[in-house]
Protein backbone atom coordinates (compact mmCIF):
# COMPACT_ATOMS: atom_id res chain seq x y z
CA UNK A 1 -118.60 -97.20 -160.26
CA UNK A 2 -118.01 -93.46 -160.27
CA UNK A 3 -119.32 -91.36 -163.16
CA UNK A 4 -116.27 -89.11 -163.40
CA UNK A 5 -115.98 -85.63 -164.88
CA UNK A 6 -112.78 -83.98 -166.05
CA UNK A 7 -110.92 -81.69 -163.71
CA UNK A 8 -111.86 -78.68 -165.85
CA UNK A 9 -115.53 -79.72 -165.78
CA UNK A 10 -115.35 -80.04 -161.98
CA UNK A 11 -113.88 -76.56 -161.70
CA UNK A 12 -116.66 -75.30 -163.98
CA UNK A 13 -119.37 -76.76 -161.68
CA UNK A 14 -117.77 -75.13 -158.63
CA UNK A 15 -117.19 -71.74 -160.26
CA UNK A 16 -120.68 -71.62 -161.80
CA UNK A 17 -122.21 -72.18 -158.38
CA UNK A 18 -119.91 -69.68 -156.65
CA UNK A 19 -120.45 -67.03 -159.32
CA UNK A 20 -123.68 -65.81 -157.75
CA UNK A 21 -122.38 -65.59 -154.18
CA UNK A 22 -121.63 -62.16 -152.72
CA UNK A 23 -119.35 -61.85 -149.70
CA UNK A 24 -119.88 -58.85 -147.45
CA UNK A 25 -117.24 -56.15 -146.91
CA UNK A 26 -115.86 -54.93 -143.63
CA UNK A 27 -113.22 -52.33 -142.81
CA UNK A 28 -110.15 -53.27 -140.80
CA UNK A 29 -107.11 -51.35 -139.69
CA UNK A 30 -104.03 -51.73 -141.86
CA UNK A 31 -102.20 -53.13 -138.84
CA UNK A 32 -104.71 -56.01 -138.66
CA UNK A 33 -105.06 -56.61 -142.40
CA UNK A 34 -102.26 -59.13 -143.06
CA UNK A 35 -103.64 -62.15 -144.92
CA UNK A 36 -107.03 -60.56 -145.63
CA UNK A 37 -108.42 -60.04 -149.14
CA UNK A 38 -109.27 -56.64 -150.61
CA UNK A 39 -112.93 -56.26 -151.53
CA UNK A 40 -112.42 -53.03 -153.50
CA UNK A 41 -109.70 -51.50 -155.66
CA UNK A 42 -107.42 -49.13 -153.77
CA UNK A 43 -107.25 -45.93 -155.83
CA UNK A 44 -104.47 -43.48 -155.01
CA UNK A 45 -105.57 -40.01 -153.98
CA UNK A 46 -102.06 -38.58 -154.21
CA UNK A 47 -98.79 -38.81 -156.07
CA UNK A 48 -95.98 -40.95 -154.67
CA UNK A 49 -93.52 -39.31 -154.45
CA UNK A 50 -95.28 -35.97 -154.14
CA UNK A 51 -92.26 -34.05 -155.47
CA UNK A 52 -89.32 -34.56 -157.84
CA UNK A 53 -86.46 -35.96 -155.77
CA UNK A 54 -82.90 -37.04 -156.34
CA UNK A 55 -81.70 -40.62 -156.10
CA UNK A 56 -78.04 -39.65 -155.50
CA UNK A 57 -75.87 -37.40 -153.37
CA UNK A 58 -74.55 -34.58 -155.52
CA UNK A 59 -75.86 -31.43 -157.16
CA UNK A 60 -79.24 -30.46 -158.55
CA UNK A 61 -78.73 -28.96 -162.00
CA UNK A 62 -80.39 -27.83 -165.19
CA UNK A 63 -79.39 -30.74 -167.43
CA UNK A 64 -78.70 -28.60 -170.51
CA UNK A 65 -76.01 -26.72 -168.54
CA UNK A 66 -73.98 -29.95 -168.39
CA UNK A 67 -74.15 -30.91 -172.06
CA UNK A 68 -70.64 -31.37 -173.47
CA UNK A 69 -69.01 -31.55 -170.02
CA UNK A 70 -66.01 -33.86 -169.75
CA UNK A 71 -62.77 -34.43 -167.88
CA UNK A 72 -60.82 -31.91 -169.96
CA UNK A 73 -63.54 -29.24 -170.12
CA UNK A 74 -65.88 -29.44 -167.11
CA UNK A 75 -69.06 -27.40 -166.86
CA UNK A 76 -68.73 -24.64 -164.28
CA UNK A 77 -71.84 -23.94 -162.21
CA UNK A 78 -72.40 -21.51 -159.36
CA UNK A 79 -73.42 -23.19 -156.08
CA UNK A 80 -76.39 -21.17 -154.78
CA UNK A 81 -77.63 -23.35 -151.93
CA UNK A 82 -77.95 -26.74 -150.28
CA UNK A 83 -81.02 -28.96 -149.92
CA UNK A 84 -81.10 -31.58 -147.17
CA UNK A 85 -83.40 -34.58 -147.21
CA UNK A 86 -86.75 -33.66 -145.68
CA UNK A 87 -86.35 -29.95 -146.41
CA UNK A 88 -88.42 -27.95 -148.85
CA UNK A 89 -86.51 -26.44 -151.76
CA UNK A 90 -87.87 -22.88 -151.66
CA UNK A 91 -85.75 -21.27 -154.40
CA UNK A 92 -85.46 -21.52 -158.17
CA UNK A 93 -82.35 -22.49 -160.13
CA UNK A 94 -81.34 -20.35 -163.07
CA UNK A 95 -79.05 -21.35 -165.92
CA UNK A 96 -75.46 -21.58 -164.73
CA UNK A 97 -76.49 -22.43 -161.17
CA UNK A 98 -76.69 -25.60 -159.10
CA UNK A 99 -77.50 -26.64 -155.54
CA UNK A 100 -75.91 -29.27 -153.32
CA UNK A 101 -78.43 -32.03 -152.59
CA UNK A 102 -78.67 -35.26 -150.57
CA UNK A 103 -80.24 -38.53 -151.68
CA UNK A 104 -84.02 -38.19 -151.43
CA UNK A 105 -83.83 -34.42 -151.41
CA UNK A 106 -86.40 -32.27 -153.20
CA UNK A 107 -85.31 -30.77 -156.52
CA UNK A 108 -85.69 -26.99 -156.57
CA UNK A 109 -87.78 -25.30 -159.25
CA UNK A 110 -85.90 -25.07 -162.51
CA UNK A 111 -83.74 -28.17 -161.88
CA UNK A 112 -84.43 -31.28 -163.94
CA UNK A 113 -81.53 -33.60 -163.07
CA UNK A 114 -78.84 -34.41 -160.52
CA UNK A 115 -75.11 -34.98 -160.96
CA UNK A 116 -73.43 -37.57 -158.73
CA UNK A 117 -70.91 -36.03 -156.35
CA UNK A 118 -68.29 -38.46 -157.72
CA UNK A 119 -68.41 -36.60 -161.04
CA UNK A 120 -67.84 -33.14 -159.55
CA UNK A 121 -65.29 -30.95 -157.77
CA UNK A 122 -65.92 -27.94 -155.57
CA UNK A 123 -63.68 -24.93 -156.32
CA UNK A 124 -64.25 -21.55 -154.62
CA UNK A 125 -68.06 -21.64 -154.76
CA UNK A 126 -68.15 -23.28 -158.14
CA UNK A 127 -69.14 -26.83 -158.95
CA UNK A 128 -67.02 -28.40 -161.70
CA UNK A 129 -69.09 -31.02 -163.51
CA UNK A 130 -67.06 -33.66 -165.40
CA UNK A 131 -69.96 -35.71 -166.76
CA UNK A 132 -73.12 -34.53 -168.50
CA UNK A 133 -76.57 -35.72 -167.42
CA UNK A 134 -79.77 -36.14 -169.39
CA UNK A 135 -83.09 -34.59 -168.35
CA UNK A 136 -84.39 -36.30 -165.19
CA UNK A 137 -81.27 -38.47 -164.85
CA UNK A 138 -80.77 -39.56 -161.21
CA UNK A 139 -84.24 -38.24 -160.39
CA UNK A 140 -87.52 -39.86 -159.33
CA UNK A 141 -90.28 -37.70 -160.78
CA UNK A 142 -93.54 -36.78 -159.07
CA UNK A 143 -95.90 -39.78 -159.29
CA UNK A 144 -93.25 -42.12 -160.72
CA UNK A 145 -94.13 -44.70 -158.05
CA UNK A 146 -97.91 -44.19 -157.82
CA UNK A 147 -99.88 -41.38 -159.43
CA UNK A 148 -103.19 -39.78 -158.52
CA UNK A 149 -106.09 -41.92 -159.76
CA UNK A 150 -103.94 -44.99 -160.32
CA UNK A 151 -105.08 -48.38 -158.99
CA UNK A 152 -102.47 -49.11 -156.35
CA UNK A 153 -103.87 -52.56 -155.41
CA UNK A 154 -106.65 -54.49 -157.10
CA UNK A 155 -109.77 -56.03 -155.62
CA UNK A 156 -109.05 -59.65 -154.72
CA UNK A 157 -105.45 -58.98 -153.66
CA UNK A 158 -104.31 -60.93 -150.63
CA UNK A 159 -102.71 -58.49 -148.23
CA UNK A 160 -98.98 -59.07 -147.66
CA UNK A 161 -96.31 -57.08 -145.84
CA UNK A 162 -95.53 -55.39 -149.18
CA UNK A 163 -99.20 -54.37 -149.52
CA UNK A 164 -99.09 -52.82 -146.07
CA UNK A 165 -96.08 -50.79 -147.20
CA UNK A 166 -98.19 -49.39 -150.05
CA UNK A 167 -101.00 -48.46 -147.65
CA UNK A 168 -98.48 -46.69 -145.41
CA UNK A 169 -97.07 -44.75 -148.36
CA UNK A 170 -100.58 -43.61 -149.30
CA UNK A 171 -101.46 -42.66 -145.72
CA UNK A 172 -104.31 -45.18 -145.53
CA UNK A 173 -105.33 -46.34 -142.04
CA UNK A 174 -108.29 -48.62 -142.83
CA UNK A 175 -109.01 -50.80 -145.83
CA UNK A 176 -112.07 -52.66 -147.19
CA UNK A 177 -111.74 -56.44 -147.04
CA UNK A 178 -114.06 -59.38 -147.52
CA UNK A 179 -115.52 -60.84 -144.36
CA UNK A 180 -113.87 -64.18 -143.84
CA UNK A 181 -116.06 -66.98 -145.23
CA UNK A 182 -116.48 -69.78 -142.69
CA UNK A 183 -115.61 -73.25 -143.97
CA UNK A 184 -116.44 -76.27 -141.81
CA UNK A 185 -114.28 -79.39 -141.76
CA UNK A 186 -115.63 -82.84 -140.88
CA UNK A 187 -113.42 -85.93 -140.73
CA UNK A 188 -115.15 -89.32 -141.00
CA UNK A 189 -114.06 -92.87 -140.34
CA UNK A 190 -114.21 -95.49 -137.58
CA UNK A 191 -110.42 -95.78 -137.77
CA UNK A 192 -109.82 -92.04 -137.21
CA UNK A 193 -109.01 -90.79 -133.71
CA UNK A 194 -108.47 -87.25 -132.49
CA UNK A 195 -107.01 -88.41 -129.18
CA UNK A 196 -104.88 -91.30 -128.06
CA UNK A 197 -104.78 -93.94 -130.78
CA UNK A 198 -105.26 -97.66 -130.23
CA UNK A 199 -103.91 -100.48 -132.36
CA UNK A 200 -105.48 -100.28 -135.82
CA UNK A 201 -106.42 -96.60 -135.51
CA UNK A 202 -104.82 -93.59 -137.18
CA UNK A 203 -104.57 -90.00 -136.06
CA UNK A 204 -106.91 -87.38 -137.46
CA UNK A 205 -104.62 -85.58 -139.91
CA UNK A 206 -107.23 -84.11 -142.23
CA UNK A 207 -108.94 -81.86 -139.70
CA UNK A 208 -105.67 -80.11 -138.86
CA UNK A 209 -104.46 -80.13 -142.47
CA UNK A 210 -107.65 -78.78 -144.02
CA UNK A 211 -108.34 -76.20 -141.29
CA UNK A 212 -104.83 -74.83 -141.81
CA UNK A 213 -105.32 -74.77 -145.60
CA UNK A 214 -108.63 -72.94 -145.17
CA UNK A 215 -106.92 -70.26 -143.08
CA UNK A 216 -104.09 -69.93 -145.60
CA UNK A 217 -106.69 -68.90 -148.17
CA UNK A 218 -108.12 -66.15 -145.99
CA UNK A 219 -111.13 -68.00 -144.57
CA UNK A 220 -112.28 -68.93 -141.07
CA UNK A 221 -112.12 -72.64 -140.23
CA UNK A 222 -114.83 -74.34 -138.17
CA UNK A 223 -113.55 -77.70 -136.95
CA UNK A 224 -116.36 -80.15 -136.26
CA UNK A 225 -114.02 -83.03 -135.46
CA UNK A 226 -114.23 -86.74 -136.14
CA UNK A 227 -117.49 -88.56 -136.95
CA UNK A 228 -117.89 -92.33 -137.07
CA UNK A 229 -119.07 -94.16 -140.19
CA UNK A 230 -122.68 -93.82 -139.17
CA UNK A 231 -125.19 -92.27 -141.54
CA UNK A 232 -127.20 -90.40 -138.94
CA UNK A 233 -124.10 -89.03 -137.21
CA UNK A 234 -122.70 -87.78 -140.51
CA UNK A 235 -126.06 -86.27 -141.50
CA UNK A 236 -126.30 -84.49 -138.15
CA UNK A 237 -122.74 -83.23 -138.53
CA UNK A 238 -123.46 -81.81 -141.98
CA UNK A 239 -126.66 -80.11 -140.77
CA UNK A 240 -124.83 -78.63 -137.79
CA UNK A 241 -122.04 -77.30 -139.99
CA UNK A 242 -124.44 -75.83 -142.53
CA UNK A 243 -125.96 -73.71 -139.75
CA UNK A 244 -122.56 -72.31 -138.78
CA UNK A 245 -120.56 -72.21 -142.03
CA UNK A 246 -120.71 -71.00 -145.61
CA UNK A 247 -119.26 -74.25 -147.00
CA UNK A 248 -118.58 -77.76 -145.71
CA UNK A 249 -115.66 -80.12 -146.36
CA UNK A 250 -116.18 -83.80 -145.52
CA UNK A 251 -113.06 -85.94 -145.68
CA UNK A 252 -113.48 -89.69 -146.02
CA UNK A 253 -116.44 -91.76 -147.17
CA UNK A 254 -116.31 -90.46 -150.73
CA UNK A 255 -115.29 -93.68 -152.51
CA UNK A 256 -117.66 -96.35 -153.83
CA UNK A 257 -117.38 -98.87 -150.98
CA UNK A 258 -120.19 -100.13 -148.78
CA UNK A 259 -119.27 -97.73 -145.96
CA UNK A 260 -118.67 -94.74 -148.26
CA UNK A 261 -122.01 -92.98 -147.89
CA UNK A 262 -121.09 -89.30 -148.29
CA UNK A 263 -122.58 -88.91 -151.77
CA UNK A 264 -125.89 -90.47 -150.68
CA UNK A 265 -126.07 -88.18 -147.67
CA UNK A 266 -125.42 -85.08 -149.79
CA UNK A 267 -128.02 -86.22 -152.32
CA UNK A 268 -130.61 -86.83 -149.62
CA UNK A 269 -130.07 -83.41 -148.05
CA UNK A 270 -129.66 -81.52 -151.32
CA UNK A 271 -128.08 -82.38 -154.66
CA UNK A 272 -124.80 -84.05 -155.58
CA UNK A 273 -123.56 -82.30 -158.74
CA UNK A 274 -120.81 -84.82 -159.49
CA UNK A 275 -119.09 -87.81 -157.91
CA UNK A 276 -115.66 -88.49 -159.31
CA UNK A 277 -112.97 -86.47 -161.09
CA UNK A 278 -110.57 -87.86 -163.68
CA UNK A 279 -107.54 -86.79 -161.67
CA UNK A 280 -104.96 -88.48 -159.50
CA UNK A 281 -104.92 -88.10 -156.58
CA UNK A 282 -108.55 -87.23 -155.86
CA UNK A 283 -110.70 -89.40 -158.11
CA UNK A 284 -113.57 -89.99 -155.62
CA UNK A 285 -114.19 -86.26 -155.00
CA UNK A 286 -117.80 -85.13 -154.55
CA UNK A 287 -119.35 -81.71 -155.03
CA UNK A 288 -122.92 -80.96 -154.01
CA UNK A 289 -125.21 -78.17 -152.87
CA UNK A 290 -127.28 -78.30 -149.68
CA UNK A 291 -129.35 -75.34 -148.47
CA UNK A 292 -127.70 -73.30 -151.24
CA UNK A 293 -124.28 -73.93 -149.72
CA UNK A 294 -121.44 -75.98 -151.25
CA UNK A 295 -120.56 -79.33 -149.73
CA UNK A 296 -117.34 -81.02 -150.84
CA UNK A 297 -116.60 -84.69 -150.29
CA UNK A 298 -112.83 -85.17 -150.15
CA UNK A 299 -110.86 -88.42 -150.14
CA UNK A 300 -109.77 -89.69 -146.74
CA UNK A 301 -106.09 -89.98 -147.70
CA UNK A 302 -104.43 -86.75 -146.49
CA UNK A 303 -102.32 -86.20 -149.62
CA UNK A 304 -105.35 -86.67 -151.87
CA UNK A 305 -107.47 -84.45 -149.60
CA UNK A 306 -104.83 -81.73 -149.81
CA UNK A 307 -104.68 -81.81 -153.61
CA UNK A 308 -108.48 -81.73 -153.94
CA UNK A 309 -108.57 -78.72 -151.63
CA UNK A 310 -105.76 -77.04 -153.51
CA UNK A 311 -107.14 -77.69 -157.00
CA UNK A 312 -110.94 -77.75 -156.52
CA UNK A 313 -112.07 -76.18 -153.24
CA UNK A 314 -109.88 -73.10 -153.71
CA UNK A 315 -111.73 -72.37 -156.96
CA UNK A 316 -114.82 -71.69 -154.84
CA UNK A 317 -112.82 -69.42 -152.53
CA UNK A 318 -111.21 -67.56 -155.44
CA UNK A 319 -114.54 -67.00 -157.15
CA UNK A 320 -116.41 -65.57 -154.16
CA UNK A 321 -113.51 -63.26 -153.19
CA UNK A 322 -112.33 -62.32 -156.69
CA UNK A 323 -108.89 -63.77 -156.05
CA UNK A 324 -106.60 -64.24 -159.07
CA UNK A 325 -105.68 -67.64 -160.46
CA UNK A 326 -102.58 -69.38 -159.22
CA UNK A 327 -99.32 -68.28 -160.74
CA UNK A 328 -96.64 -70.67 -161.82
CA UNK A 329 -93.74 -70.84 -159.43
CA UNK A 330 -91.15 -71.44 -162.14
CA UNK A 331 -90.21 -73.71 -165.02
CA UNK A 332 -87.85 -76.66 -164.70
CA UNK A 333 -86.35 -79.55 -166.63
CA UNK A 334 -87.11 -83.19 -165.74
CA UNK A 335 -84.10 -85.24 -164.68
CA UNK A 336 -85.88 -88.58 -165.24
CA UNK A 337 -88.65 -90.19 -167.28
CA UNK A 338 -92.04 -90.19 -165.53
CA UNK A 339 -94.54 -92.82 -166.75
CA UNK A 340 -98.29 -92.21 -166.51
CA UNK A 341 -101.06 -94.30 -168.00
CA UNK A 342 -103.92 -93.73 -165.61
CA UNK A 343 -106.24 -91.97 -168.07
CA UNK A 344 -106.50 -89.22 -165.47
CA UNK A 345 -104.90 -85.83 -165.05
CA UNK A 346 -102.08 -86.59 -162.64
CA UNK A 347 -100.42 -84.32 -160.11
CA UNK A 348 -97.00 -85.18 -158.73
CA UNK A 349 -95.01 -83.59 -155.95
CA UNK A 350 -91.49 -82.66 -157.05
CA UNK A 351 -88.21 -81.37 -155.69
CA UNK A 352 -84.91 -80.23 -157.21
CA UNK A 353 -81.76 -82.33 -157.35
CA UNK A 354 -78.20 -81.07 -156.93
CA UNK A 355 -78.19 -79.96 -160.59
CA UNK A 356 -81.38 -77.93 -160.08
CA UNK A 357 -83.30 -80.42 -162.21
CA UNK A 358 -86.81 -81.61 -161.38
CA UNK A 359 -87.32 -85.05 -159.83
CA UNK A 360 -90.56 -86.58 -158.49
CA UNK A 361 -91.02 -87.19 -154.79
CA UNK A 362 -92.10 -90.81 -154.80
CA UNK A 363 -94.79 -91.77 -152.31
CA UNK A 364 -97.42 -94.37 -151.62
CA UNK A 365 -101.12 -93.58 -151.32
CA UNK A 366 -102.03 -91.89 -148.06
CA UNK A 367 -98.54 -90.78 -147.13
CA UNK A 368 -98.51 -87.14 -145.96
CA UNK A 369 -94.81 -86.52 -145.26
CA UNK A 370 -94.26 -85.95 -148.99
CA UNK A 371 -95.76 -82.46 -148.62
CA UNK A 372 -92.99 -81.35 -146.28
CA UNK A 373 -90.32 -82.66 -148.66
CA UNK A 374 -91.84 -81.31 -151.88
CA UNK A 375 -90.89 -77.96 -153.41
CA UNK A 376 -93.88 -77.81 -155.74
CA UNK A 377 -95.94 -80.03 -158.02
CA UNK A 378 -96.35 -80.70 -161.73
CA UNK A 379 -99.29 -81.79 -163.87
CA UNK A 380 -99.36 -84.63 -166.39
CA UNK A 381 -102.21 -84.26 -168.87
CA UNK A 382 -104.99 -86.83 -168.89
CA UNK A 383 -104.14 -88.27 -172.31
CA UNK A 384 -100.36 -88.27 -171.88
CA UNK A 385 -98.49 -91.54 -171.33
CA UNK A 386 -95.92 -89.76 -169.22
CA UNK A 387 -93.14 -87.20 -169.52
CA UNK A 388 -89.67 -87.75 -170.90
CA UNK A 389 -86.39 -86.80 -169.28
CA UNK A 390 -85.39 -83.32 -170.45
CA UNK A 391 -88.98 -82.10 -170.79
CA UNK A 392 -89.54 -78.49 -169.73
CA UNK A 393 -92.30 -78.55 -167.11
CA UNK A 394 -94.39 -75.94 -165.33
CA UNK A 395 -94.04 -76.10 -161.57
CA UNK A 396 -96.86 -74.92 -159.31
CA UNK A 397 -96.56 -73.82 -155.71
CA UNK A 398 -97.97 -76.09 -153.03
């Protein structure tokens, strides 16, 4: 029998251990930073934009000169110049004056707004303004996007293409990121084959699945491969991985059967902190510490292994690299009743029907194709007996 802990207790064990771990920083070029994780806040050393600029084609004006302007009585302003995008406005507007300006152009001194060209006429050097503008209307002010001293991106941010755009705007060429933690993946089982499969064997899904998941979370994957259900071979594999990696994932051998020896191996090499989580899928999950490194025992079923990685192992990764918690993808409404009486926190893959309602993706234990069909997953609380049709549910990203 497994002595299970709650999912929140399991997360607490993992986070408490990871809390004291410090990951080193390295600097990489912005061009090579996609997918990496910031190890320091990025503080802006300049204003973006660095000058007041117009957001429309039209005329730079002093807004008070346009007050009261309308179709019957337009404001009449003297055109004293033209400012093209990319040019410096090296003159000052006085009351009663305006300057022609292009979108993105720099407002001259004295101007505090821009009038759209559609609301003007040009008559013998005069600009007739038929619509008044408020101060800073149609204008992006200095520092409106990012100001000096502002935190442009926070420590723990995973670098995306949008992040790289921010670095480019700030003129940053190199950024501080966490060195990629190395996470080893071991698959166990006499029935698992990484090559040609014979009758009664199954392909090694978990190595590929978990290595890819590790990389998605900004870490380096070390694939050890498949190990037979032999205690010494598994022990040797764990020792080998501990020399090369910062954490070890062992899939398979985590249940309570005669050949499920992972927890005993972890306990003999170090300490097993818990064996069993009150969640479905993923009940037989193990977490232990060997040589001051975390060792996770994951179920052999690929779908269960994925959910344990997603819900438990990532908490270790988030903690050591200061990554934020997962955000909800969206809310949705259940199209059907979903029963649940397992006494465990249950996670179900879902998709949307033609009415954009939430329906479960039904699957049997061990089936992996559900992940390609699913558009997210929902949680059913441990003490709930299920969810009723019409319930508003929170949907998490896979």
